[in-house]
C-alpha atoms as a PDB file:
ATOM      1  CA  MET A   1      97.385  53.575 176.817  1.00  0.00           C
ATOM      2  CA  LYS A   2      94.467  53.461 174.444  1.00  0.00           C
ATOM      3  CA  THR A   3      92.200  53.441 177.302  1.00  0.00           C
ATOM      4  CA  GLN A   4      94.107  56.447 179.474  1.00  0.00           C
ATOM      5  CA  TRP A   5      93.724  58.698 176.186  1.00  0.00           C
ATOM      6  CA  ILE A   6      90.020  57.773 175.971  1.00  0.00           C
ATOM      7  CA  LEU A   7      88.946  58.808 179.492  1.00  0.00           C
ATOM      8  CA  PHE A   8      91.490  62.028 179.280  1.00  0.00           C
ATOM      9  CA  LEU A   9      89.516  63.113 176.141  1.00  0.00           C
ATOM     10  CA  ILE A  10      86.137  62.606 178.463  1.00  0.00           C
ATOM     11  CA  SER A  11      87.292  64.678 181.139  1.00  0.00           C
ATOM     12  CA  VAL A  12      88.257  67.606 179.019  1.00  0.00           C
ATOM     13  CA  VAL A  13      85.203  67.509 176.868  1.00  0.00           C
ATOM     14  CA  ALA A  14      83.057  67.333 180.128  1.00  0.00           C
ATOM     15  CA  ALA A  15      85.356  70.585 181.582  1.00  0.00           C
ATOM     16  CA  SER A  16      84.957  72.324 178.329  1.00  0.00           C
ATOM     17  CA  ALA A  17      81.164  72.202 179.219  1.00  0.00           C
ATOM     18  CA  GLN A  18      81.659  74.135 182.214  1.00  0.00           C
ATOM     19  CA  THR A  19      83.761  76.302 180.794  1.00  0.00           C
ATOM     20  CA  ALA A  20      82.102  77.366 177.379  1.00  0.00           C
ATOM     21  CA  PRO A  21      83.425  81.010 175.732  1.00  0.00           C
ATOM     22  CA  ALA A  22      80.569  83.799 176.417  1.00  0.00           C
ATOM     23  CA  GLN A  23      79.564  84.400 172.681  1.00  0.00           C
ATOM     24  CA  THR A  24      80.588  87.410 170.919  1.00  0.00           C
ATOM     25  CA  ASP A  25      78.326  89.265 167.933  1.00  0.00           C
ATOM     26  CA  VAL A  26      79.994  90.844 165.162  1.00  0.00           C
ATOM     27  CA  THR A  27      77.471  92.507 163.076  1.00  0.00           C
ATOM     28  CA  PHE A  28      77.075  93.146 159.416  1.00  0.00           C
ATOM     29  CA  ARG A  29      75.935  96.492 159.227  1.00  0.00           C
ATOM     30  CA  SER A  30      73.353  97.530 156.685  1.00  0.00           C
ATOM     31  CA  ASP A  31      74.042 101.277 156.410  1.00  0.00           C
ATOM     32  CA  THR A  32      76.121 101.094 153.664  1.00  0.00           C
ATOM     33  CA  GLU A  33      74.191 100.875 150.269  1.00  0.00           C
ATOM     34  CA  VAL A  34      75.634  97.625 148.916  1.00  0.00           C
ATOM     35  CA  MET A  35      76.182  94.589 150.984  1.00  0.00           C
ATOM     36  CA  GLN A  36      78.925  92.168 149.442  1.00  0.00           C
ATOM     37  CA  VAL A  37      80.219  88.701 149.363  1.00  0.00           C
ATOM     38  CA  THR A  38      83.152  87.267 148.558  1.00  0.00           C
ATOM     39  CA  ALA A  39      83.441  84.053 146.603  1.00  0.00           C
ATOM     40  CA  LEU A  40      86.065  81.208 145.577  1.00  0.00           C
ATOM     41  CA  VAL A  41      85.339  79.569 142.670  1.00  0.00           C
ATOM     42  CA  ARG A  42      87.551  75.984 141.603  1.00  0.00           C
ATOM     43  CA  ASP A  43      87.195  73.478 139.642  1.00  0.00           C
ATOM     44  CA  ALA A  44      86.199  70.116 141.365  1.00  0.00           C
ATOM     45  CA  VAL A  45      88.349  67.714 139.852  1.00  0.00           C
ATOM     46  CA  THR A  46      91.603  69.684 139.767  1.00  0.00           C
ATOM     47  CA  ARG A  47      91.349  72.142 142.063  1.00  0.00           C
ATOM     48  CA  ARG A  48      92.457  74.583 139.826  1.00  0.00           C
ATOM     49  CA  PRO A  49      91.143  78.131 140.186  1.00  0.00           C
ATOM     50  CA  VAL A  50      88.275  79.221 137.778  1.00  0.00           C
ATOM     51  CA  THR A  51      88.901  82.841 136.304  1.00  0.00           C
ATOM     52  CA  GLY A  52      87.085  84.303 133.243  1.00  0.00           C
ATOM     53  CA  LEU A  53      83.534  84.431 135.003  1.00  0.00           C
ATOM     54  CA  ASP A  54      81.514  87.598 134.982  1.00  0.00           C
ATOM     55  CA  ARG A  55      78.516  89.327 136.745  1.00  0.00           C
ATOM     56  CA  ALA A  56      75.592  87.387 134.668  1.00  0.00           C
ATOM     57  CA  ASP A  57      77.221  83.669 135.578  1.00  0.00           C
ATOM     58  CA  PHE A  58      76.388  84.182 139.675  1.00  0.00           C
ATOM     59  CA  ARG A  59      73.122  84.352 141.776  1.00  0.00           C
ATOM     60  CA  LEU A  60      73.203  85.401 145.485  1.00  0.00           C
ATOM     61  CA  LEU A  61      70.378  84.421 147.927  1.00  0.00           C
ATOM     62  CA  VAL A  62      69.623  85.483 151.012  1.00  0.00           C
ATOM     63  CA  ASP A  63      67.419  84.038 153.514  1.00  0.00           C
ATOM     64  CA  GLY A  64      66.584  81.985 150.368  1.00  0.00           C
ATOM     65  CA  LYS A  65      65.263  85.143 148.077  1.00  0.00           C
ATOM     66  CA  GLU A  66      67.685  85.953 145.361  1.00  0.00           C
ATOM     67  CA  ARG A  67      68.684  89.118 145.243  1.00  0.00           C
ATOM     68  CA  PRO A  68      69.985  91.053 141.853  1.00  0.00           C
ATOM     69  CA  LEU A  69      73.545  91.701 141.820  1.00  0.00           C
ATOM     70  CA  THR A  70      74.566  95.350 141.870  1.00  0.00           C
ATOM     71  CA  TYR A  71      78.296  95.304 142.170  1.00  0.00           C
ATOM     72  CA  PHE A  72      80.390  92.680 140.527  1.00  0.00           C
ATOM     73  CA  ALA A  73      84.423  92.438 140.776  1.00  0.00           C
ATOM     74  CA  ALA A  74      86.908  89.932 139.744  1.00  0.00           C
ATOM     75  CA  GLU A  75      90.311  90.179 141.547  1.00  0.00           C
ATOM     76  CA  GLY A  76      92.591  87.884 139.162  1.00  0.00           C
ATOM     77  CA  ALA A  77      95.776  88.020 138.514  1.00  0.00           C
ATOM     78  CA  GLU A  78      95.488  91.811 140.291  1.00  0.00           C
ATOM     79  CA  ARG A  79      94.041  90.641 143.491  1.00  0.00           C
ATOM     80  CA  ARG A  80      94.136  91.884 146.815  1.00  0.00           C
ATOM     81  CA  PRO A  81      97.636  91.107 149.303  1.00  0.00           C
ATOM     82  CA  LEU A  82      97.477  88.510 151.288  1.00  0.00           C
ATOM     83  CA  ALA A  83      98.114  88.738 154.907  1.00  0.00           C
ATOM     84  CA  LEU A  84      98.361  84.955 155.360  1.00  0.00           C
ATOM     85  CA  LEU A  85      98.293  83.639 159.094  1.00  0.00           C
ATOM     86  CA  ILE A  86      99.296  79.434 159.253  1.00  0.00           C
ATOM     87  CA  SER A  87      98.319  77.711 162.439  1.00  0.00           C
ATOM     88  CA  LEU A  88     100.098  74.235 163.622  1.00  0.00           C
ATOM     89  CA  ASN A  89      97.565  72.268 165.349  1.00  0.00           C
ATOM     90  CA  LEU A  90      99.512  68.883 165.297  1.00  0.00           C
ATOM     91  CA  ALA A  91      98.555  65.700 167.876  1.00  0.00           C
ATOM     92  CA  PRO A  92     102.476  64.587 169.220  1.00  0.00           C
ATOM     93  CA  ASP A  93     102.278  61.106 167.841  1.00  0.00           C
ATOM     94  CA  GLY A  94     100.737  61.928 164.551  1.00  0.00           C
ATOM     95  CA  ALA A  95     100.768  64.771 162.442  1.00  0.00           C
ATOM     96  CA  PHE A  96     103.805  66.065 164.260  1.00  0.00           C
ATOM     97  CA  ARG A  97     105.738  63.399 163.421  1.00  0.00           C
ATOM     98  CA  GLN A  98     104.646  63.590 159.718  1.00  0.00           C
ATOM     99  CA  LEU A  99     105.896  67.014 159.244  1.00  0.00           C
ATOM    100  CA  SER A 100     109.238  66.923 161.307  1.00  0.00           C
ATOM    101  CA  THR A 101     110.619  65.676 158.189  1.00  0.00           C
ATOM    102  CA  GLN A 102     113.164  67.304 155.597  1.00  0.00           C
ATOM    103  CA  ALA A 103     110.670  66.486 153.123  1.00  0.00           C
ATOM    104  CA  ALA A 104     107.804  68.218 155.126  1.00  0.00           C
ATOM    105  CA  ALA A 105     110.388  71.506 155.634  1.00  0.00           C
ATOM    106  CA  ALA A 106     111.343  71.431 151.674  1.00  0.00           C
ATOM    107  CA  SER A 107     107.571  71.312 150.894  1.00  0.00           C
ATOM    108  CA  PHE A 108     106.782  74.127 153.337  1.00  0.00           C
ATOM    109  CA  ALA A 109     109.756  76.245 151.698  1.00  0.00           C
ATOM    110  CA  ALA A 110     108.777  75.890 148.049  1.00  0.00           C
ATOM    111  CA  ALA A 111     105.155  76.984 149.189  1.00  0.00           C
ATOM    112  CA  ILE A 112     106.042  80.034 150.857  1.00  0.00           C
ATOM    113  CA  ALA A 113     108.708  80.999 148.375  1.00  0.00           C
ATOM    114  CA  GLY A 114     105.586  80.851 145.825  1.00  0.00           C
ATOM    115  CA  LEU A 115     103.991  83.927 147.493  1.00  0.00           C
ATOM    116  CA  HIS A 116     103.604  87.135 145.508  1.00  0.00           C
ATOM    117  CA  PRO A 117     106.335  90.084 146.440  1.00  0.00           C
ATOM    118  CA  SER A 118     103.460  91.736 148.290  1.00  0.00           C
ATOM    119  CA  ASP A 119     102.090  89.256 150.293  1.00  0.00           C
ATOM    120  CA  GLU A 120     102.582  88.292 154.111  1.00  0.00           C
ATOM    121  CA  ALA A 121     102.756  85.180 156.165  1.00  0.00           C
ATOM    122  CA  ALA A 122     103.031  84.821 159.854  1.00  0.00           C
ATOM    123  CA  VAL A 123     103.368  81.297 162.082  1.00  0.00           C
ATOM    124  CA  TYR A 124     101.457  80.091 164.609  1.00  0.00           C
ATOM    125  CA  ALA A 125     101.414  77.052 166.430  1.00  0.00           C
ATOM    126  CA  VAL A 126      99.726  75.235 169.640  1.00  0.00           C
ATOM    127  CA  PRO A 127     102.777  73.948 171.634  1.00  0.00           C
ATOM    128  CA  ASP A 128     100.460  72.202 174.192  1.00  0.00           C
ATOM    129  CA  TRP A 129      98.308  70.653 171.770  1.00  0.00           C
ATOM    130  CA  PHE A 130      94.591  70.155 171.832  1.00  0.00           C
ATOM    131  CA  VAL A 131      94.239  72.041 175.600  1.00  0.00           C
ATOM    132  CA  GLY A 132      96.719  74.911 174.567  1.00  0.00           C
ATOM    133  CA  LYS A 133      96.063  78.281 172.385  1.00  0.00           C
ATOM    134  CA  PRO A 134      98.191  79.579 169.183  1.00  0.00           C
ATOM    135  CA  GLU A 135     101.508  81.214 170.066  1.00  0.00           C
ATOM    136  CA  GLU A 136     103.278  83.408 167.641  1.00  0.00           C
ATOM    137  CA  VAL A 137     106.318  82.001 166.262  1.00  0.00           C
ATOM    138  CA  ALA A 138     107.127  84.363 162.990  1.00  0.00           C
ATOM    139  CA  PRO A 139     105.211  87.932 162.828  1.00  0.00           C
ATOM    140  CA  LEU A 140     103.493  88.915 159.879  1.00  0.00           C
ATOM    141  CA  GLY A 141     106.357  89.841 157.343  1.00  0.00           C
ATOM    142  CA  ARG A 142     107.670  89.241 153.861  1.00  0.00           C
ATOM    143  CA  ASP A 143     110.692  87.745 154.425  1.00  0.00           C
ATOM    144  CA  ARG A 144     110.072  84.141 153.210  1.00  0.00           C
ATOM    145  CA  GLU A 145     113.353  82.441 154.740  1.00  0.00           C
ATOM    146  CA  ALA A 146     112.511  83.598 158.108  1.00  0.00           C
ATOM    147  CA  THR A 147     108.803  82.148 157.694  1.00  0.00           C
ATOM    148  CA  ALA A 148     109.722  78.812 156.336  1.00  0.00           C
ATOM    149  CA  ALA A 149     112.513  78.633 158.812  1.00  0.00           C
ATOM    150  CA  ALA A 150     109.475  79.524 161.377  1.00  0.00           C
ATOM    151  CA  LEU A 151     107.195  76.684 160.208  1.00  0.00           C
ATOM    152  CA  THR A 152     110.458  74.366 161.013  1.00  0.00           C
ATOM    153  CA  LYS A 153     110.902  75.656 164.632  1.00  0.00           C
ATOM    154  CA  ALA A 154     107.015  75.061 165.051  1.00  0.00           C
ATOM    155  CA  LEU A 155     107.976  71.399 164.642  1.00  0.00           C
ATOM    156  CA  THR A 156     111.153  71.254 166.579  1.00  0.00           C
ATOM    157  CA  VAL A 157     110.700  73.226 170.066  1.00  0.00           C
ATOM    158  CA  ALA A 158     108.137  75.523 171.566  1.00  0.00           C
ATOM    159  CA  GLY A 159     110.365  78.224 172.770  1.00  0.00           C
ATOM    160  CA  ASP A 160     109.627  81.307 174.373  1.00  0.00           C
ATOM    161  CA  ARG A 161     106.539  82.778 172.506  1.00  0.00           C
ATOM    162  CA  ARG A 162     103.760  85.474 173.116  1.00  0.00           C
ATOM    163  CA  GLU A 163     100.509  83.493 173.618  1.00  0.00           C
ATOM    164  CA  GLU A 164      98.094  84.936 170.888  1.00  0.00           C
ATOM    165  CA  LEU A 165      94.530  83.901 170.450  1.00  0.00           C
ATOM    166  CA  LEU A 166      94.422  83.439 166.707  1.00  0.00           C
ATOM    167  CA  VAL A 167      91.088  84.564 165.877  1.00  0.00           C
ATOM    168  CA  GLU A 168      91.702  88.013 167.667  1.00  0.00           C
ATOM    169  CA  ARG A 169      94.789  87.911 166.066  1.00  0.00           C
ATOM    170  CA  ALA A 170      93.075  87.663 162.620  1.00  0.00           C
ATOM    171  CA  ARG A 171      90.716  90.891 163.465  1.00  0.00           C
ATOM    172  CA  GLU A 172      93.505  92.830 164.722  1.00  0.00           C
ATOM    173  CA  VAL A 173      95.280  92.198 161.319  1.00  0.00           C
ATOM    174  CA  ALA A 174      92.039  92.838 159.399  1.00  0.00           C
ATOM    175  CA  ALA A 175      91.750  95.973 161.062  1.00  0.00           C
ATOM    176  CA  LEU A 176      95.333  96.848 160.168  1.00  0.00           C
ATOM    177  CA  ARG A 177      95.663  95.764 156.528  1.00  0.00           C
ATOM    178  CA  PRO A 178      92.217  96.912 155.427  1.00  0.00           C
ATOM    179  CA  ASP A 179      93.790  96.055 151.755  1.00  0.00           C
ATOM    180  CA  SER A 180      94.511  93.271 152.283  1.00  0.00           C
ATOM    181  CA  HIS A 181      92.837  89.718 152.376  1.00  0.00           C
ATOM    182  CA  VAL A 182      93.688  88.127 155.994  1.00  0.00           C
ATOM    183  CA  ALA A 183      93.435  84.356 155.282  1.00  0.00           C
ATOM    184  CA  VAL A 184      93.900  81.659 158.442  1.00  0.00           C
ATOM    185  CA  VAL A 185      95.369  78.426 157.474  1.00  0.00           C
ATOM    186  CA  VAL A 186      95.114  75.286 160.011  1.00  0.00           C
ATOM    187  CA  ILE A 187      97.112  72.891 159.455  1.00  0.00           C
ATOM    188  CA  SER A 188      95.909  69.850 161.790  1.00  0.00           C
ATOM    189  CA  ASP A 189      95.078  66.205 162.253  1.00  0.00           C
ATOM    190  CA  GLY A 190      91.039  67.546 162.395  1.00  0.00           C
ATOM    191  CA  MET A 191      91.092  67.356 165.924  1.00  0.00           C
ATOM    192  CA  ASN A 192      89.654  70.508 167.882  1.00  0.00           C
ATOM    193  CA  THR A 193      91.045  72.817 170.583  1.00  0.00           C
ATOM    194  CA  LEU A 194      89.352  73.442 173.330  1.00  0.00           C
ATOM    195  CA  ASP A 195      87.974  76.546 172.258  1.00  0.00           C
ATOM    196  CA  MET A 196      85.966  74.828 169.401  1.00  0.00           C
ATOM    197  CA  ILE A 197      84.771  72.172 170.766  1.00  0.00           C
ATOM    198  CA  GLU A 198      81.541  72.926 171.662  1.00  0.00           C
ATOM    199  CA  SER A 199      79.356  74.005 168.162  1.00  0.00           C
ATOM    200  CA  ARG A 200      78.256  77.438 169.725  1.00  0.00           C
ATOM    201  CA  SER A 201      81.906  78.797 170.292  1.00  0.00           C
ATOM    202  CA  ARG A 202      82.322  77.263 166.577  1.00  0.00           C
ATOM    203  CA  ARG A 203      79.425  79.736 165.436  1.00  0.00           C
ATOM    204  CA  ASP A 204      80.815  82.354 167.618  1.00  0.00           C
ATOM    205  CA  LEU A 205      84.664  82.534 165.868  1.00  0.00           C
ATOM    206  CA  ALA A 206      82.423  81.923 162.704  1.00  0.00           C
ATOM    207  CA  GLU A 207      80.911  85.365 163.174  1.00  0.00           C
ATOM    208  CA  GLN A 208      83.945  86.988 163.754  1.00  0.00           C
ATOM    209  CA  LEU A 209      85.867  85.789 160.964  1.00  0.00           C
ATOM    210  CA  GLN A 210      82.568  86.905 158.745  1.00  0.00           C
ATOM    211  CA  GLY A 211      82.375  90.165 160.156  1.00  0.00           C
ATOM    212  CA  GLY A 212      85.538  90.917 159.476  1.00  0.00           C
ATOM    213  CA  ASP A 213      85.771  89.063 155.864  1.00  0.00           C
ATOM    214  CA  ILE A 214      88.174  86.700 157.084  1.00  0.00           C
ATOM    215  CA  SER A 215      88.366  82.979 155.642  1.00  0.00           C
ATOM    216  CA  VAL A 216      89.888  80.278 157.164  1.00  0.00           C
ATOM    217  CA  SER A 217      90.932  77.163 155.285  1.00  0.00           C
ATOM    218  CA  ALA A 218      91.470  73.579 156.941  1.00  0.00           C
ATOM    219  CA  LEU A 219      94.557  71.428 155.709  1.00  0.00           C
ATOM    220  CA  THR A 220      93.954  67.967 157.787  1.00  0.00           C
ATOM    221  CA  LEU A 221      96.284  65.052 157.668  1.00  0.00           C
ATOM    222  CA  ASP A 222      95.421  61.374 158.514  1.00  0.00           C
ATOM    223  CA  MET A 223      94.528  61.083 162.043  1.00  0.00           C
ATOM    224  CA  MET A 224      96.434  58.008 163.931  1.00  0.00           C
ATOM    225  CA  ALA A 225      94.504  55.120 164.670  1.00  0.00           C
ATOM    226  CA  THR A 226      93.767  55.830 168.219  1.00  0.00           C
ATOM    227  CA  TYR A 227      92.452  59.605 167.689  1.00  0.00           C
ATOM    228  CA  ALA A 228      90.374  58.014 165.135  1.00  0.00           C
ATOM    229  CA  ALA A 229      89.007  55.596 167.618  1.00  0.00           C
ATOM    230  CA  ALA A 230      88.522  58.252 170.352  1.00  0.00           C
ATOM    231  CA  ALA A 231      86.766  60.365 168.444  1.00  0.00           C
ATOM    232  CA  THR A 232      84.372  57.707 166.878  1.00  0.00           C
ATOM    233  CA  ALA A 233      83.316  56.675 170.406  1.00  0.00           C
ATOM    234  CA  LEU A 234      83.092  60.232 171.911  1.00  0.00           C
ATOM    235  CA  ASN A 235      81.416  62.751 168.737  1.00  0.00           C
ATOM    236  CA  PRO A 236      78.354  60.359 168.823  1.00  0.00           C
ATOM    237  CA  ILE A 237      78.016  61.222 173.057  1.00  0.00           C
ATOM    238  CA  GLY A 238      79.102  65.138 172.511  1.00  0.00           C
ATOM    239  CA  LYS A 239      76.554  65.600 169.948  1.00  0.00           C
ATOM    240  CA  LEU A 240      74.523  65.326 172.515  1.00  0.00           C
ATOM    241  CA  PHE A 241      75.569  68.138 173.859  1.00  0.00           C
ATOM    242  CA  GLY A 242      76.393  69.647 171.013  1.00  0.00           C
ATOM    243  CA  MET A 243      79.993  69.231 171.146  1.00  0.00           C
ATOM    244  CA  SER A 244      82.932  67.368 168.778  1.00  0.00           C
ATOM    245  CA  ILE A 245      86.132  66.762 169.645  1.00  0.00           C
ATOM    246  CA  THR A 246      86.674  67.128 165.349  1.00  0.00           C
ATOM    247  CA  GLY A 247      85.963  68.659 162.517  1.00  0.00           C
ATOM    248  CA  GLY A 248      85.993  72.495 164.013  1.00  0.00           C
ATOM    249  CA  ALA A 249      88.554  74.145 161.586  1.00  0.00           C
ATOM    250  CA  LYS A 250      86.720  72.473 158.231  1.00  0.00           C
ATOM    251  CA  GLN A 251      83.585  74.057 159.562  1.00  0.00           C
ATOM    252  CA  LEU A 252      84.805  77.362 159.759  1.00  0.00           C
ATOM    253  CA  SER A 253      86.437  76.909 156.320  1.00  0.00           C
ATOM    254  CA  GLU A 254      82.784  76.243 155.062  1.00  0.00           C
ATOM    255  CA  GLU A 255      81.355  78.902 157.301  1.00  0.00           C
ATOM    256  CA  THR A 256      84.213  81.838 156.156  1.00  0.00           C
ATOM    257  CA  GLY A 257      84.099  80.819 152.480  1.00  0.00           C
ATOM    258  CA  GLY A 258      88.174  79.187 152.696  1.00  0.00           C
ATOM    259  CA  VAL A 259      89.294  75.682 151.188  1.00  0.00           C
ATOM    260  CA  ALA A 260      89.091  72.270 153.231  1.00  0.00           C
ATOM    261  CA  MET A 261      91.652  69.946 151.756  1.00  0.00           C
ATOM    262  CA  GLU A 262      92.735  66.257 152.983  1.00  0.00           C
ATOM    263  CA  VAL A 263      96.525  66.215 152.890  1.00  0.00           C
ATOM    264  CA  ASN A 264      97.844  62.482 152.204  1.00  0.00           C
ATOM    265  CA  GLY A 265     101.681  63.064 153.314  1.00  0.00           C
ATOM    266  CA  PRO A 266     104.138  65.288 154.413  1.00  0.00           C
ATOM    267  CA  GLU A 267     105.480  65.897 151.028  1.00  0.00           C
ATOM    268  CA  GLU A 268     102.069  67.121 149.994  1.00  0.00           C
ATOM    269  CA  ILE A 269     101.639  69.657 152.617  1.00  0.00           C
ATOM    270  CA  GLY A 270     103.520  72.450 150.607  1.00  0.00           C
ATOM    271  CA  PRO A 271     101.557  71.751 147.314  1.00  0.00           C
ATOM    272  CA  ALA A 272      98.175  72.090 149.563  1.00  0.00           C
ATOM    273  CA  LEU A 273      99.179  75.098 150.855  1.00  0.00           C
ATOM    274  CA  GLY A 274     100.171  76.533 147.784  1.00  0.00           C
ATOM    275  CA  GLN A 275      96.524  75.529 146.254  1.00  0.00           C
ATOM    276  CA  VAL A 276      95.167  77.298 149.220  1.00  0.00           C
ATOM    277  CA  VAL A 277      96.663  80.650 147.817  1.00  0.00           C
ATOM    278  CA  SER A 278      96.389  79.929 144.122  1.00  0.00           C
ATOM    279  CA  ALA A 279      92.589  79.818 144.933  1.00  0.00           C
ATOM    280  CA  TYR A 280      92.327  83.218 146.082  1.00  0.00           C
ATOM    281  CA  ILE A 281      93.330  84.543 142.110  1.00  0.00           C
ATOM    282  CA  SER A 282      89.525  83.575 141.579  1.00  0.00           C
ATOM    283  CA  ARG A 283      87.900  85.683 143.874  1.00  0.00           C
ATOM    284  CA  TYR A 284      85.413  87.102 142.678  1.00  0.00           C
ATOM    285  CA  SER A 285      83.146  89.747 145.041  1.00  0.00           C
ATOM    286  CA  ILE A 286      79.507  90.358 144.671  1.00  0.00           C
ATOM    287  CA  GLY A 287      77.066  92.741 146.061  1.00  0.00           C
ATOM    288  CA  PHE A 288      73.542  93.437 146.398  1.00  0.00           C
ATOM    289  CA  HIS A 289      71.699  96.690 147.426  1.00  0.00           C
ATOM    290  CA  ALA A 290      69.833  96.841 150.877  1.00  0.00           C
ATOM    291  CA  ASN A 291      67.686  99.959 151.942  1.00  0.00           C
ATOM    292  CA  GLY A 292      67.650 101.036 155.140  1.00  0.00           C
ATOM    293  CA  GLN A 293      64.683  98.979 156.221  1.00  0.00           C
ATOM    294  CA  GLU A 294      66.651  95.749 155.941  1.00  0.00           C
ATOM    295  CA  PHE A 295      68.671  93.730 158.474  1.00  0.00           C
ATOM    296  CA  HIS A 296      68.060  95.397 161.606  1.00  0.00           C
ATOM    297  CA  ASP A 297      67.130  92.507 163.534  1.00  0.00           C
ATOM    298  CA  GLY A 298      70.101  91.565 165.159  1.00  0.00           C
ATOM    299  CA  LYS A 299      70.207  88.030 163.853  1.00  0.00           C
ATOM    300  CA  ARG A 300      72.205  85.467 161.508  1.00  0.00           C
ATOM    301  CA  HIS A 301      70.768  85.554 157.908  1.00  0.00           C
ATOM    302  CA  LYS A 302      71.976  82.905 155.174  1.00  0.00           C
ATOM    303  CA  ILE A 303      73.778  83.262 152.302  1.00  0.00           C
ATOM    304  CA  GLU A 304      74.149  81.306 148.994  1.00  0.00           C
ATOM    305  CA  VAL A 305      76.373  82.613 146.306  1.00  0.00           C
ATOM    306  CA  LYS A 306      75.764  79.516 143.430  1.00  0.00           C
ATOM    307  CA  LEU A 307      76.712  79.543 139.705  1.00  0.00           C
ATOM    308  CA  LYS A 308      73.465  79.870 137.046  1.00  0.00           C
ATOM    309  CA  SER A 309      75.481  77.243 135.031  1.00  0.00           C
ATOM    310  CA  ASN A 310      77.337  74.456 137.067  1.00  0.00           C
ATOM    311  CA  THR A 311      76.479  71.024 135.247  1.00  0.00           C
ATOM    312  CA  GLY A 312      77.545  68.142 137.188  1.00  0.00           C
ATOM    313  CA  GLY A 313      78.856  70.273 139.678  1.00  0.00           C
ATOM    314  CA  ARG A 314      81.904  70.756 137.720  1.00  0.00           C
ATOM    315  CA  TYR A 315      82.893  73.928 139.746  1.00  0.00           C
ATOM    316  CA  LYS A 316      82.798  74.003 143.804  1.00  0.00           C
ATOM    317  CA  VAL A 317      81.758  77.899 144.542  1.00  0.00           C
ATOM    318  CA  THR A 318      82.972  78.589 148.511  1.00  0.00           C
ATOM    319  CA  ALA A 319      81.726  81.789 150.271  1.00  0.00           C
ATOM    320  CA  ARG A 320      80.687  82.761 153.968  1.00  0.00           C
ATOM    321  CA  GLN A 321      77.687  81.062 154.740  1.00  0.00           C
ATOM    322  CA  HIS A 322      75.866  83.701 157.490  1.00  0.00           C
ATOM    323  CA  PHE A 323      76.105  87.080 158.662  1.00  0.00           C
ATOM    324  CA  ARG A 324      74.478  88.664 161.700  1.00  0.00           C
ATOM    325  CA  SER A 325      72.920  91.902 160.972  1.00  0.00           C
ATOM    326  CA  GLU A 326      72.994  94.852 163.051  1.00  0.00           C
ATOM    327  CA  ALA A 327      70.436  95.448 165.326  1.00  0.00           C
ATOM    328  CA  LYS A 328      68.325  98.541 165.074  1.00  0.00           C
ATOM    329  CA  PRO A 329      68.822 100.746 168.439  1.00  0.00           C
ATOM    330  CA  ARG A 330      65.411 101.218 170.361  1.00  0.00           C
ATOM    331  CA  ARG A 331      64.006 104.988 170.798  1.00  0.00           C
END
């Protein structure tokens, strides 16, 4: 059985190399006076949000060059409403079994009930796991009981649902909810779906999310020994071709300024989801002035947000790591 599983994964990885998705460039326009970046700040030990910081606490570097801050805002308790897109990608013999329990259902329900009244949530699931695409189980809304029920349903039967590409849907929501922060939460064993096997496709997805100021958070449950063994065997080979069958959601969280957490059991999934939501209390928006001559090369540029005083790495700062500039039109 284990050998058949590994051979299946090899065939899937090989197939993905032949059907790589087309690259999509999402640009970060520089025709506005101030370019903004949003950062999350949490205590590295307690994982609690860090509030009360001000402009003087932050540093912003673009392509390694420090830029003076010309804009600063702390959302705090007055944060923008969340548009939370929860996506389940669970191995049938792994996390699916862990979360198909009464303890997991109660944990989910408690986390959803803790959302602010202005927040919205939607639920997606990958019914075919690994090779499938996310499908909508519950649309974006504020009915907490319906959202909790949808999470339970996603862990029992696939049902008849309209297929959605999660990143595309997130961008649609961002356009429809300009006053909300769109946040995708991927709950999985850490295994990639086909559209995230290649490093180039993950980079393209990250650019699409960055262009819409959409963050991804990754909640990862323990992987079954069989899957872990397959990943250990295949990832070194896949690396030669720019591919990996694990770690895609975590990489997107790093690229987009979300939260990545390891979850040790079904009863912890709700508190972990609650921590993701609470992290947005510590969001800080910072910006710098860009003149009309900058960032017209159509290239990716690196962003780093740091704290001026962070002794011993006590605080963890996460923000999107890159943006693609707008190419200057040819005359």
